[in-house]
Amino acid sequence: MDKNSNAYTFIFAIIMVIVVAVTLSFTATTLSPLQKENVRKEKMQNILATIGIQTSRENAEELFNKHITQQLSLNHKGEDKTEVNAFEVDLAKELSKPVEEQTFPLYIANYEGSEYFIAPLRGSGLWDAIWGYIALKDDANTVKGVVYDHKGETAGLGAEITTDWFQQRFVDEKIFNDKGELVGVNVVKGYSGGSDKDDNKVDSISGATITSDGVSEMIENRLKNYLPFFKKRQEIKVVTR
């Protein structure tokens, strides 16, 4: 066949497309188990990070199994749905269901002699989903630590929710106000409360008001679903605002 003909060019292009497609498909299929395993271990790292355990991916599972003493799958009444694996619950899918049908994962950790409650979070930022984990101390009120992530927030603005300096602001904040109402931790523009850890507020990210509001709403909206469990477990007086 004449290599300068249109037919040759057309056939060659088809063959190259097929070869590239097969190669990409094979690569994706081959790497898929490794990618899933990396995601699984990264999730363990994030959960552990909320209680102050920083670990490599290689050690994540060992430390997770050591310090996470319970994995609960709660219903809207605070009861454990033992048939559901908490670690495999997909919050993105759960949020599309009525509250009465949702599952609320909760991890109970023991670290350095203290007990912590770790809840996954998911909400909306400026451009797309934001998510993370929040750990509460054994009073089910004081924040031990948080981890946030996002899908498409603006670099240097909303994407700053992933930074240590922002996440550190939440440490020792309270999620209940002085009336026993669950209000979460409000990310407030121009906040001037300094180091006050009892006012349920932290300073927002400059120029990222919508993402900051999304963090506030995410914390309150997700944690209110754990009120039935905390009321039973902690014997604390709480009410829904």
Foldseek 3Di string as FASTA:
>chain_A
DDCPDPVVVVVVVVVVVVVVVVVVVVVCVVCVVVVVLQVLLVQLQQQVVQQPDHDDSVCSVVVSVVWFPDKFWQALLQDGPVVDGNSPDDVVVQVVDPSRPHTWIWTWTADPRWIKIKGKWWWAFDPGIKIWIWIDTPLLWFTQWIAIQDDDDDPPFLRCSRPPVNRVQRHRATQAAPVQEGQAAQADDPDDPPNDRRPSYDHHTPPRVRSRRGVSCRRRVSCVSNVSNCCVPNVDDHDYD
